[in-house]
Amino acid sequence: MDASTKQRIEQLIGSSPVFVFMKGNKLMPQCGFSNNVVQILNALAVPFETFDVLSDMEVRQGIKEFSEWPTIPQVYVNGEFIGGSDILIEMYNSGELREKLAVALA
């Protein structure tokens, strides 16, 4: 990944306390995993921003290198990589996600 792509990813992550790299956007997810993440965050009434990786192949590949995580979607809270769809589902079901977001957004 080149320096400009890394800087762009860092700026995106820093633009919102909760940021999601996904396929599609929060109004129209383009895959089931991205939809799962959107539904969870909406259920928790958490404000979040998204970036559609289908619109930019450099960011799509770069975010995988940046996080050292091979799949999309990827969720960041206050700049920290939390995980993808499966991890968010587990955290949501255990109540851990609600607690983490409450602290992050306080």
C-alpha atoms as a PDB file:
ATOM      1  CA  MET A   1       0.000   0.000   0.000  1.00  0.00           C
ATOM      2  CA  ASP A   2       1.356   3.402  -0.894  1.00  0.00           C
ATOM      3  CA  ALA A   3       1.600   6.278   1.568  1.00  0.00           C
ATOM      4  CA  SER A   4      -1.285   8.244   0.048  1.00  0.00           C
ATOM      5  CA  THR A   5      -3.678   5.290   0.358  1.00  0.00           C
ATOM      6  CA  LYS A   6      -2.604   4.734   3.970  1.00  0.00           C
ATOM      7  CA  GLN A   7      -3.115   8.421   4.758  1.00  0.00           C
ATOM      8  CA  ARG A   8      -6.542   8.362   3.095  1.00  0.00           C
ATOM      9  CA  ILE A   9      -7.582   5.313   5.155  1.00  0.00           C
ATOM     10  CA  GLU A  10      -6.371   6.986   8.362  1.00  0.00           C
ATOM     11  CA  GLN A  11      -8.349  10.135   7.498  1.00  0.00           C
ATOM     12  CA  LEU A  12     -11.497   8.099   6.829  1.00  0.00           C
ATOM     13  CA  ILE A  13     -11.165   6.205  10.122  1.00  0.00           C
ATOM     14  CA  GLY A  14     -10.602   9.467  11.968  1.00  0.00           C
ATOM     15  CA  SER A  15     -13.630  11.164  10.406  1.00  0.00           C
ATOM     16  CA  SER A  16     -16.175   9.493  12.716  1.00  0.00           C
ATOM     17  CA  PRO A  17     -16.076   7.763  16.129  1.00  0.00           C
ATOM     18  CA  VAL A  18     -17.646   4.694  14.483  1.00  0.00           C
ATOM     19  CA  PHE A  19     -16.496   3.999  10.923  1.00  0.00           C
ATOM     20  CA  VAL A  20     -17.267   1.012   8.688  1.00  0.00           C
ATOM     21  CA  PHE A  21     -15.507  -0.063   5.516  1.00  0.00           C
ATOM     22  CA  MET A  22     -18.148  -2.097   3.707  1.00  0.00           C
ATOM     23  CA  LYS A  23     -19.604  -3.133   0.379  1.00  0.00           C
ATOM     24  CA  GLY A  24     -22.254  -0.543  -0.402  1.00  0.00           C
ATOM     25  CA  ASN A  25     -23.325   2.048   2.145  1.00  0.00           C
ATOM     26  CA  LYS A  26     -25.494   2.211   5.247  1.00  0.00           C
ATOM     27  CA  LEU A  27     -28.591   2.933   3.174  1.00  0.00           C
ATOM     28  CA  MET A  28     -27.909   0.157   0.658  1.00  0.00           C
ATOM     29  CA  PRO A  29     -25.495  -2.570   1.793  1.00  0.00           C
ATOM     30  CA  GLN A  30     -24.256  -4.679  -1.116  1.00  0.00           C
ATOM     31  CA  CYS A  31     -23.581  -7.918   0.761  1.00  0.00           C
ATOM     32  CA  GLY A  32     -25.092  -9.831   3.656  1.00  0.00           C
ATOM     33  CA  PHE A  33     -22.111  -9.358   5.960  1.00  0.00           C
ATOM     34  CA  SER A  34     -22.146  -5.594   5.461  1.00  0.00           C
ATOM     35  CA  ASN A  35     -25.912  -5.626   6.019  1.00  0.00           C
ATOM     36  CA  ASN A  36     -25.423  -7.482   9.328  1.00  0.00           C
ATOM     37  CA  VAL A  37     -23.074  -4.758  10.580  1.00  0.00           C
ATOM     38  CA  VAL A  38     -25.454  -1.969   9.520  1.00  0.00           C
ATOM     39  CA  GLN A  39     -28.411  -3.695  11.210  1.00  0.00           C
ATOM     40  CA  ILE A  40     -26.472  -4.150  14.469  1.00  0.00           C
ATOM     41  CA  LEU A  41     -25.312  -0.538  14.595  1.00  0.00           C
ATOM     42  CA  ASN A  42     -28.807   0.696  13.718  1.00  0.00           C
ATOM     43  CA  ALA A  43     -30.318  -1.535  16.434  1.00  0.00           C
ATOM     44  CA  LEU A  44     -27.977   0.117  18.944  1.00  0.00           C
ATOM     45  CA  ALA A  45     -28.928   3.572  17.576  1.00  0.00           C
ATOM     46  CA  VAL A  46     -25.254   4.397  17.064  1.00  0.00           C
ATOM     47  CA  PRO A  47     -24.265   7.142  14.625  1.00  0.00           C
ATOM     48  CA  PHE A  48     -21.695   5.846  12.142  1.00  0.00           C
ATOM     49  CA  GLU A  49     -20.163   6.609   8.782  1.00  0.00           C
ATOM     50  CA  THR A  50     -19.271   4.216   5.983  1.00  0.00           C
ATOM     51  CA  PHE A  51     -17.011   3.914   2.970  1.00  0.00           C
ATOM     52  CA  ASP A  52     -18.004   1.775  -0.013  1.00  0.00           C
ATOM     53  CA  VAL A  53     -14.930  -0.303  -0.869  1.00  0.00           C
ATOM     54  CA  LEU A  54     -16.544  -1.241  -4.191  1.00  0.00           C
ATOM     55  CA  SER A  55     -16.007   2.373  -5.289  1.00  0.00           C
ATOM     56  CA  ASP A  56     -12.220   2.348  -4.786  1.00  0.00           C
ATOM     57  CA  MET A  57     -10.018  -0.687  -5.371  1.00  0.00           C
ATOM     58  CA  GLU A  58      -6.963   0.922  -3.718  1.00  0.00           C
ATOM     59  CA  VAL A  59      -8.868   1.434  -0.461  1.00  0.00           C
ATOM     60  CA  ARG A  60     -10.511  -1.993  -0.803  1.00  0.00           C
ATOM     61  CA  GLN A  61      -7.127  -3.714  -0.897  1.00  0.00           C
ATOM     62  CA  GLY A  62      -5.374  -1.196   1.342  1.00  0.00           C
ATOM     63  CA  ILE A  63      -7.764  -1.585   4.270  1.00  0.00           C
ATOM     64  CA  LYS A  64      -7.016  -5.322   4.367  1.00  0.00           C
ATOM     65  CA  GLU A  65      -3.294  -4.565   4.686  1.00  0.00           C
ATOM     66  CA  PHE A  66      -3.894  -1.695   7.121  1.00  0.00           C
ATOM     67  CA  SER A  67      -5.848  -3.864   9.575  1.00  0.00           C
ATOM     68  CA  GLU A  68      -4.113  -7.147   8.733  1.00  0.00           C
ATOM     69  CA  TRP A  69      -7.654  -8.538   8.364  1.00  0.00           C
ATOM     70  CA  PRO A  70      -8.579 -10.240   5.071  1.00  0.00           C
ATOM     71  CA  THR A  71     -12.304  -9.547   4.847  1.00  0.00           C
ATOM     72  CA  ILE A  72     -14.833  -6.735   4.486  1.00  0.00           C
ATOM     73  CA  PRO A  73     -16.707  -5.253   6.347  1.00  0.00           C
ATOM     74  CA  GLN A  74     -14.333  -3.782   8.897  1.00  0.00           C
ATOM     75  CA  VAL A  75     -15.522  -1.746  11.873  1.00  0.00           C
ATOM     76  CA  TYR A  76     -13.436   0.880  13.679  1.00  0.00           C
ATOM     77  CA  VAL A  77     -14.362   2.545  16.980  1.00  0.00           C
ATOM     78  CA  ASN A  78     -12.348   5.625  17.920  1.00  0.00           C
ATOM     79  CA  GLY A  79      -9.696   4.556  15.438  1.00  0.00           C
ATOM     80  CA  GLU A  80      -9.392   1.019  16.829  1.00  0.00           C
ATOM     81  CA  PHE A  81     -10.135  -1.954  14.577  1.00  0.00           C
ATOM     82  CA  ILE A  82     -12.895  -3.993  16.233  1.00  0.00           C
ATOM     83  CA  GLY A  83     -13.554  -6.672  13.639  1.00  0.00           C
ATOM     84  CA  GLY A  84     -15.926  -7.770  10.939  1.00  0.00           C
ATOM     85  CA  SER A  85     -19.449  -9.136  10.793  1.00  0.00           C
ATOM     86  CA  ASP A  86     -18.905 -12.318  12.841  1.00  0.00           C
ATOM     87  CA  ILE A  87     -17.068 -10.509  15.636  1.00  0.00           C
ATOM     88  CA  LEU A  88     -19.697  -7.763  15.780  1.00  0.00           C
ATOM     89  CA  ILE A  89     -22.476 -10.365  16.001  1.00  0.00           C
ATOM     90  CA  GLU A  90     -20.686 -12.099  18.897  1.00  0.00           C
ATOM     91  CA  MET A  91     -20.048  -8.788  20.688  1.00  0.00           C
ATOM     92  CA  TYR A  92     -23.649  -7.683  20.143  1.00  0.00           C
ATOM     93  CA  ASN A  93     -25.083 -10.949  21.485  1.00  0.00           C
ATOM     94  CA  SER A  94     -22.859 -10.837  24.579  1.00  0.00           C
ATOM     95  CA  GLY A  95     -23.618  -7.174  25.310  1.00  0.00           C
ATOM     96  CA  GLU A  96     -19.944  -6.276  24.954  1.00  0.00           C
ATOM     97  CA  LEU A  97     -20.546  -4.140  21.858  1.00  0.00           C
ATOM     98  CA  ARG A  98     -23.160  -1.963  23.560  1.00  0.00           C
ATOM     99  CA  GLU A  99     -20.743  -1.343  26.461  1.00  0.00           C
ATOM    100  CA  LYS A 100     -17.783  -0.584  24.186  1.00  0.00           C
ATOM    101  CA  LEU A 101     -19.816   1.866  22.100  1.00  0.00           C
ATOM    102  CA  ALA A 102     -21.300   3.563  25.166  1.00  0.00           C
ATOM    103  CA  VAL A 103     -17.799   4.223  26.504  1.00  0.00           C
ATOM    104  CA  ALA A 104     -16.450   5.287  23.107  1.00  0.00           C
ATOM    105  CA  LEU A 105     -19.273   7.712  22.433  1.00  0.00           C
ATOM    106  CA  ALA A 106     -19.516   9.151  25.978  1.00  0.00           C
END
